[in-house]
Structures are given as structure tokens and as C-alpha cells.
C-alpha atoms as a PDB file:
ATOM      1  CA  LEU A   1     -10.096   0.688 -13.722  1.00  0.00           C
ATOM      2  CA  ARG A   2     -12.720   2.556 -15.696  1.00  0.00           C
ATOM      3  CA  TRP A   3     -15.660   2.263 -13.294  1.00  0.00           C
ATOM      4  CA  TRP A   4     -14.372   4.295 -10.333  1.00  0.00           C
ATOM      5  CA  PRO A   5     -13.458   7.432 -12.335  1.00  0.00           C
ATOM      6  CA  TYR A   6     -16.707   7.141 -14.297  1.00  0.00           C
ATOM      7  CA  ALA A   7     -18.856   6.766 -11.175  1.00  0.00           C
ATOM      8  CA  LEU A   8     -17.178   9.629  -9.342  1.00  0.00           C
ATOM      9  CA  ALA A   9     -17.323  11.940 -12.386  1.00  0.00           C
ATOM     10  CA  HIS A  10     -21.042  11.266 -12.821  1.00  0.00           C
ATOM     11  CA  GLY A  11     -21.992  11.471  -9.150  1.00  0.00           C
ATOM     12  CA  LEU A  12     -22.830   7.763  -8.927  1.00  0.00           C
ATOM     13  CA  ASP A  13     -22.306   5.466  -5.975  1.00  0.00           C
ATOM     14  CA  PRO A  14     -19.110   3.610  -6.924  1.00  0.00           C
ATOM     15  CA  MET A  15     -20.068   0.649  -4.720  1.00  0.00           C
ATOM     16  CA  THR A  16     -23.256  -0.220  -6.625  1.00  0.00           C
ATOM     17  CA  THR A  17     -24.108  -0.397 -10.294  1.00  0.00           C
ATOM     18  CA  SER A  18     -27.040  -1.295 -12.510  1.00  0.00           C
ATOM     19  CA  LEU A  19     -24.729  -1.914 -15.465  1.00  0.00           C
ATOM     20  CA  ILE A  20     -24.408  -5.549 -14.402  1.00  0.00           C
ATOM     21  CA  GLY A  21     -27.011  -7.736 -12.731  1.00  0.00           C
ATOM     22  CA  ALA A  22     -29.879  -5.915 -14.463  1.00  0.00           C
ATOM     23  CA  PRO A  23     -32.504  -4.993 -13.556  1.00  0.00           C
ATOM     24  CA  THR A  24     -31.712  -4.985  -9.821  1.00  0.00           C
ATOM     25  CA  GLY A  25     -28.050  -4.069 -10.123  1.00  0.00           C
ATOM     26  CA  PHE A  26     -25.037  -5.360  -8.233  1.00  0.00           C
ATOM     27  CA  ASN A  27     -23.251  -4.461  -5.028  1.00  0.00           C
ATOM     28  CA  LEU A  28     -19.560  -4.021  -5.930  1.00  0.00           C
ATOM     29  CA  SER A  29     -18.405  -4.213  -2.331  1.00  0.00           C
ATOM     30  CA  TRP A  30     -18.373  -7.991  -2.837  1.00  0.00           C
ATOM     31  CA  LEU A  31     -15.777  -7.627  -5.584  1.00  0.00           C
ATOM     32  CA  THR A  32     -12.103  -6.864  -5.296  1.00  0.00           C
ATOM     33  CA  THR A  33     -11.808  -3.381  -6.697  1.00  0.00           C
ATOM     34  CA  VAL A  34      -8.763  -1.139  -6.683  1.00  0.00           C
ATOM     35  CA  PRO A  35     -10.142   2.393  -6.312  1.00  0.00           C
ATOM     36  CA  ALA A  36      -6.756   3.941  -5.499  1.00  0.00           C
ATOM     37  CA  LEU A  37      -5.179   2.534  -8.662  1.00  0.00           C
ATOM     38  CA  ALA A  38      -8.244   3.364 -10.745  1.00  0.00           C
ATOM     39  CA  ILE A  39      -8.234   6.991  -9.638  1.00  0.00           C
ATOM     40  CA  LEU A  40      -4.451   7.430  -9.899  1.00  0.00           C
ATOM     41  CA  ALA A  41      -4.427   5.854 -13.372  1.00  0.00           C
ATOM     42  CA  THR A  42      -7.392   7.884 -14.673  1.00  0.00           C
ATOM     43  CA  PRO A  43      -5.323   9.960 -17.152  1.00  0.00           C
ATOM     44  CA  LEU A  44      -3.713   6.830 -18.556  1.00  0.00           C
ATOM     45  CA  THR A  45      -7.057   5.019 -18.745  1.00  0.00           C
ATOM     46  CA  ALA A  46      -8.699   7.997 -20.447  1.00  0.00           C
ATOM     47  CA  ALA A  47      -5.901   8.239 -23.017  1.00  0.00           C
ATOM     48  CA  PHE A  48      -5.300   4.559 -23.797  1.00  0.00           C
ATOM     49  CA  GLY A  49      -8.148   2.562 -22.256  1.00  0.00           C
ATOM     50  CA  PRO A  50      -8.399   0.174 -19.328  1.00  0.00           C
ATOM     51  CA  ILE A  51      -6.676  -2.767 -21.036  1.00  0.00           C
ATOM     52  CA  VAL A  52      -3.471  -0.824 -21.725  1.00  0.00           C
ATOM     53  CA  THR A  53      -3.584   0.635 -18.216  1.00  0.00           C
ATOM     54  CA  PHE A  54      -4.102  -2.811 -16.702  1.00  0.00           C
ATOM     55  CA  ASN A  55      -1.201  -4.256 -18.716  1.00  0.00           C
ATOM     56  CA  LEU A  56       1.129  -1.394 -17.770  1.00  0.00           C
ATOM     57  CA  ILE A  57       0.293  -1.633 -14.074  1.00  0.00           C
ATOM     58  CA  THR A  58       0.750  -5.404 -14.187  1.00  0.00           C
ATOM     59  CA  ALA A  59       4.086  -5.058 -15.985  1.00  0.00           C
ATOM     60  CA  PHE A  60       5.479  -2.342 -13.715  1.00  0.00           C
ATOM     61  CA  ALA A  61       4.187  -3.649 -10.353  1.00  0.00           C
ATOM     62  CA  PRO A  62       7.005  -6.169  -9.683  1.00  0.00           C
ATOM     63  CA  PRO A  63       9.944  -3.880 -10.545  1.00  0.00           C
ATOM     64  CA  VAL A  64       8.435  -0.966  -8.609  1.00  0.00           C
ATOM     65  CA  ALA A  65       7.856  -3.224  -5.581  1.00  0.00           C
ATOM     66  CA  ALA A  66      11.455  -4.455  -5.932  1.00  0.00           C
ATOM     67  CA  TRP A  67      12.669  -0.834  -6.018  1.00  0.00           C
ATOM     68  CA  ALA A  68      10.692  -0.023  -2.855  1.00  0.00           C
ATOM     69  CA  ALA A  69      12.163  -2.998  -1.010  1.00  0.00           C
ATOM     70  CA  PHE A  70      15.651  -2.160  -2.337  1.00  0.00           C
ATOM     71  CA  THR A  71      15.276   1.375  -0.982  1.00  0.00           C
ATOM     72  CA  LEU A  72      14.307   0.057   2.446  1.00  0.00           C
ATOM     73  CA  CYS A  73      17.134  -2.505   2.485  1.00  0.00           C
ATOM     74  CA  ARG A  74      19.645   0.117   1.337  1.00  0.00           C
ATOM     75  CA  ARG A  75      18.604   2.429   4.164  1.00  0.00           C
ATOM     76  CA  LEU A  76      18.918  -0.390   6.692  1.00  0.00           C
ATOM     77  CA  THR A  77      22.188  -1.932   5.477  1.00  0.00           C
ATOM     78  CA  GLY A  78      23.956   0.843   3.586  1.00  0.00           C
ATOM     79  CA  ARG A  79      25.178  -1.803   1.137  1.00  0.00           C
ATOM     80  CA  PHE A  80      24.205  -2.108  -2.521  1.00  0.00           C
ATOM     81  CA  TRP A  81      24.383  -5.833  -3.358  1.00  0.00           C
ATOM     82  CA  PRO A  82      22.535  -7.198  -0.318  1.00  0.00           C
ATOM     83  CA  SER A  83      19.920  -4.497  -0.846  1.00  0.00           C
ATOM     84  CA  LEU A  84      19.586  -5.437  -4.509  1.00  0.00           C
ATOM     85  CA  ALA A  85      19.105  -9.070  -3.508  1.00  0.00           C
ATOM     86  CA  GLY A  86      16.481  -8.086  -0.921  1.00  0.00           C
ATOM     87  CA  GLY A  87      14.620  -5.965  -3.462  1.00  0.00           C
ATOM     88  CA  ALA A  88      14.706  -8.740  -6.050  1.00  0.00           C
ATOM     89  CA  VAL A  89      13.467 -11.338  -3.575  1.00  0.00           C
ATOM     90  CA  TYR A  90      10.581  -9.086  -2.525  1.00  0.00           C
ATOM     91  CA  GLY A  91       9.607  -7.732  -5.933  1.00  0.00           C
ATOM     92  CA  PHE A  92       9.999 -10.913  -7.950  1.00  0.00           C
ATOM     93  CA  SER A  93       9.001 -13.493  -5.349  1.00  0.00           C
ATOM     94  CA  ALA A  94       6.721 -16.417  -6.111  1.00  0.00           C
ATOM     95  CA  PHE A  95       3.899 -14.553  -4.346  1.00  0.00           C
ATOM     96  CA  GLU A  96       4.348 -11.515  -6.566  1.00  0.00           C
ATOM     97  CA  MET A  97       4.623 -13.527  -9.770  1.00  0.00           C
ATOM     98  CA  ASN A  98       1.681 -15.778  -8.868  1.00  0.00           C
ATOM     99  CA  HIS A  99      -0.517 -12.696  -8.529  1.00  0.00           C
ATOM    100  CA  SER A 100       0.928 -10.660 -11.385  1.00  0.00           C
ATOM    101  CA  VAL A 101       0.445 -13.320 -14.045  1.00  0.00           C
ATOM    102  CA  PRO A 102      -3.323 -13.767 -13.506  1.00  0.00           C
ATOM    103  CA  GLY A 103      -3.693 -10.004 -13.000  1.00  0.00           C
ATOM    104  CA  HIS A 104      -4.559  -9.612  -9.338  1.00  0.00           C
ATOM    105  CA  LEU A 105      -3.793  -5.902  -9.149  1.00  0.00           C
ATOM    106  CA  ASN A 106      -4.825  -5.698  -5.512  1.00  0.00           C
ATOM    107  CA  LEU A 107      -2.062  -8.149  -4.549  1.00  0.00           C
ATOM    108  CA  SER A 108       0.593  -7.524  -7.176  1.00  0.00           C
ATOM    109  CA  VAL A 109       0.899  -3.793  -6.448  1.00  0.00           C
ATOM    110  CA  SER A 110       2.794  -4.231  -3.186  1.00  0.00           C
ATOM    111  CA  LEU A 111       5.156  -1.275  -3.033  1.00  0.00           C
ATOM    112  CA  LEU A 112       3.414   0.433  -0.117  1.00  0.00           C
ATOM    113  CA  LEU A 113       4.451  -2.023   2.602  1.00  0.00           C
ATOM    114  CA  PRO A 114       8.221  -1.479   2.214  1.00  0.00           C
ATOM    115  CA  LEU A 115       7.663   2.253   1.732  1.00  0.00           C
ATOM    116  CA  MET A 116       5.768   2.439   5.021  1.00  0.00           C
ATOM    117  CA  ALA A 117       8.612   0.593   6.744  1.00  0.00           C
ATOM    118  CA  TYR A 118      11.030   3.019   5.066  1.00  0.00           C
ATOM    119  CA  LEU A 119       9.125   5.965   6.555  1.00  0.00           C
ATOM    120  CA  VAL A 120       9.429   4.446  10.023  1.00  0.00           C
ATOM    121  CA  VAL A 121      13.177   3.919   9.512  1.00  0.00           C
ATOM    122  CA  LEU A 122      13.540   7.535   8.352  1.00  0.00           C
ATOM    123  CA  TRP A 123      11.777   8.681  11.515  1.00  0.00           C
ATOM    124  CA  ARG A 124      13.959   6.399  13.643  1.00  0.00           C
ATOM    125  CA  ASP A 125      17.079   7.901  12.072  1.00  0.00           C
ATOM    126  CA  GLY A 126      15.826  11.459  12.618  1.00  0.00           C
ATOM    127  CA  ALA A 127      15.575  12.209   8.881  1.00  0.00           C
ATOM    128  CA  ILE A 128      11.894  13.150   9.204  1.00  0.00           C
ATOM    129  CA  GLY A 129       9.918  14.433  12.145  1.00  0.00           C
ATOM    130  CA  GLY A 130       6.818  13.049  13.770  1.00  0.00           C
ATOM    131  CA  THR A 131       4.447  15.303  11.822  1.00  0.00           C
ATOM    132  CA  ALA A 132       5.929  14.215   8.496  1.00  0.00           C
ATOM    133  CA  LEU A 133       5.759  10.574   9.578  1.00  0.00           C
ATOM    134  CA  VAL A 134       2.095  10.880  10.536  1.00  0.00           C
ATOM    135  CA  GLY A 135       1.175  12.660   7.288  1.00  0.00           C
ATOM    136  CA  LEU A 136       3.108  10.410   4.924  1.00  0.00           C
ATOM    137  CA  LEU A 137       2.242   7.207   6.759  1.00  0.00           C
ATOM    138  CA  GLY A 138      -1.413   8.252   6.883  1.00  0.00           C
ATOM    139  CA  ALA A 139      -1.414   8.838   3.110  1.00  0.00           C
ATOM    140  CA  ALA A 140       0.254   5.459   2.506  1.00  0.00           C
ATOM    141  CA  LEU A 141      -2.230   3.716   4.806  1.00  0.00           C
ATOM    142  CA  LEU A 142      -5.144   5.361   3.003  1.00  0.00           C
ATOM    143  CA  LEU A 143      -3.771   4.248  -0.371  1.00  0.00           C
ATOM    144  CA  GLN A 144      -3.300   0.709   0.943  1.00  0.00           C
ATOM    145  CA  MET A 145      -6.817   0.678   2.353  1.00  0.00           C
ATOM    146  CA  LEU A 146      -8.167   1.768  -1.041  1.00  0.00           C
ATOM    147  CA  MET A 147      -6.007  -0.752  -2.860  1.00  0.00           C
ATOM    148  CA  PHE A 148      -6.685  -3.907  -0.858  1.00  0.00           C
ATOM    149  CA  LEU A 149      -8.518  -3.827   2.442  1.00  0.00           C
ATOM    150  CA  GLU A 150      -7.271  -7.256   3.535  1.00  0.00           C
ATOM    151  CA  THR A 151      -3.622  -6.163   3.349  1.00  0.00           C
ATOM    152  CA  PHE A 152      -4.520  -3.031   5.319  1.00  0.00           C
ATOM    153  CA  ALA A 153      -6.275  -5.176   7.942  1.00  0.00           C
ATOM    154  CA  GLY A 154      -3.359  -7.612   8.124  1.00  0.00           C
ATOM    155  CA  LEU A 155      -0.905  -4.762   8.586  1.00  0.00           C
ATOM    156  CA  THR A 156      -3.106  -3.354  11.331  1.00  0.00           C
ATOM    157  CA  VAL A 157      -3.135  -6.670  13.198  1.00  0.00           C
ATOM    158  CA  ILE A 158       0.641  -7.036  12.845  1.00  0.00           C
ATOM    159  CA  LEU A 159       1.261  -3.504  14.136  1.00  0.00           C
ATOM    160  CA  ALA A 160      -1.220  -3.961  16.981  1.00  0.00           C
ATOM    161  CA  ALA A 161       0.754  -7.011  18.099  1.00  0.00           C
ATOM    162  CA  ALA A 162       4.282  -5.861  17.231  1.00  0.00           C
ATOM    163  CA  LEU A 163       4.319  -2.449  18.919  1.00  0.00           C
ATOM    164  CA  PRO A 164       3.323  -3.699  22.400  1.00  0.00           C
ATOM    165  CA  LEU A 165       5.669  -6.660  22.003  1.00  0.00           C
ATOM    166  CA  ALA A 166       8.525  -4.343  21.022  1.00  0.00           C
ATOM    167  CA  TYR A 167       7.743  -2.134  24.019  1.00  0.00           C
ATOM    168  CA  TRP A 168       7.752  -5.144  26.330  1.00  0.00           C
ATOM    169  CA  LEU A 169      11.009  -6.558  24.907  1.00  0.00           C
ATOM    170  CA  ALA A 170      12.874  -3.242  24.735  1.00  0.00           C
ATOM    171  CA  GLY A 171      15.039  -1.921  27.466  1.00  0.00           C
ATOM    172  CA  PRO A 172      14.014   1.197  29.408  1.00  0.00           C
ATOM    173  CA  PRO A 173      15.981   3.611  27.181  1.00  0.00           C
ATOM    174  CA  ASP A 174      14.138   2.483  24.021  1.00  0.00           C
ATOM    175  CA  ARG A 175      10.648   2.260  25.479  1.00  0.00           C
ATOM    176  CA  ALA A 176       9.990   5.991  25.220  1.00  0.00           C
ATOM    177  CA  ARG A 177      10.886   5.946  21.498  1.00  0.00           C
ATOM    178  CA  ILE A 178       8.662   2.913  20.863  1.00  0.00           C
ATOM    179  CA  ALA A 179       5.802   4.618  22.712  1.00  0.00           C
ATOM    180  CA  ARG A 180       6.286   7.741  20.554  1.00  0.00           C
ATOM    181  CA  LEU A 181       6.263   5.571  17.432  1.00  0.00           C
ATOM    182  CA  GLY A 182       3.042   3.936  18.621  1.00  0.00           C
ATOM    183  CA  ARG A 183       1.412   7.350  19.072  1.00  0.00           C
ATOM    184  CA  HIS A 184       2.568   8.435  15.593  1.00  0.00           C
ATOM    185  CA  VAL A 185       1.258   5.220  14.018  1.00  0.00           C
ATOM    186  CA  ALA A 186      -2.083   5.632  15.819  1.00  0.00           C
ATOM    187  CA  ALA A 187      -2.316   9.228  14.575  1.00  0.00           C
ATOM    188  CA  ALA A 188      -1.516   8.056  11.031  1.00  0.00           C
ATOM    189  CA  TYR A 189      -4.358   5.529  11.229  1.00  0.00           C
ATOM    190  CA  VAL A 190      -6.728   8.255  12.422  1.00  0.00           C
ATOM    191  CA  ALA A 191      -5.593  10.472   9.544  1.00  0.00           C
ATOM    192  CA  ALA A 192      -6.059   7.640   7.027  1.00  0.00           C
ATOM    193  CA  ILE A 193      -9.515   6.695   8.190  1.00  0.00           C
END
């Protein structure tokens, strides 16, 4: 949490360091870093240190992920209690707890996946336009890519399979909307990368 802000502030390459593995240094691309969290939490880290920041992120990751899933479920169902159950199952699942306890920030901060789905549902319902979807989804994809590349890659594979499958399974009236969604998602990926 401290290295990324330090490296960027001092004009250093954040992917390599000579602070460990002296004298040759170490390539940090082999480690699981969380640059998005490190940069977003810079004020907190500067004020209280990386240990307090780490503990706060670890403590708040499950309830924030549960809130994100609750928000998605509430939009889909319109009902409070089933949405609360869905949020609790997502945010406090065995997966989440098994990665929060040992401190795997890259896996325990999982609020972006339901928020990305929420953006797609908002677009489907006409609450946001295509430009807003591309911009917001692109920002969320960029954050996910900078938080944990494997989750970003997994999401990419799922979308690459799901969108053509949805197009193939949908009836003719829905195919145009699925094709539009595919173009928006592709544009969001271009914006993120």
C-alpha cells in the first residue's frame, strides 16, 4: 500500500525495486500488488500508515461487497429481503471470508463485479445511456485490472463467451439490444486499456 504512491511520487518504476533483493533488485510484476487500492488509499496511508489502511480495507471489504450485491439484487428484484439475502451471501461468502482473514486484498475487495453488472442493468432499463455505460464501465474495468488482473481476465473470458451465447439464444427482437450491449462493452474495454 505504501510502495505505489511512493514510487509514483518519486518518479520510480513501480514494477521494480532495489529495496528488496539487493543488490540486483526485484521485479514486482511477479507479486500480487493492488495499485488501484494503494493509490486510492494514499491519504489514509499517509495519515495513519499502511497497517491501519490494510486493516480498514480488510474490515470494510466484505460489507461494501455485500452492499454492492444488495444494490444489484434490489434493482433486479425490487424486493428488500431477497436482495439483503443476496448481498449477504455475496459479501460474506466462504470465498470472501477465506480471503479476508489472511488479508488477500486483491480477492477480498470484490465490489466491482456486482457494480459492473448493476451498470449493465441500468443501461438495460434505460436509466443511463450508452455513453455513460461505456465511461463508467471502462472506469470500473480499469480499477479491476489494477486491483487483480486475474479477475479482470476471468471477467473478459466470461463476457467473450456470454455475449455471443446470449445473442444466439435470444429471439430476433432482443438481438439488436444484445449487439448494442456488446459494442458498448467492447468500447468500455478499449477505454479501460
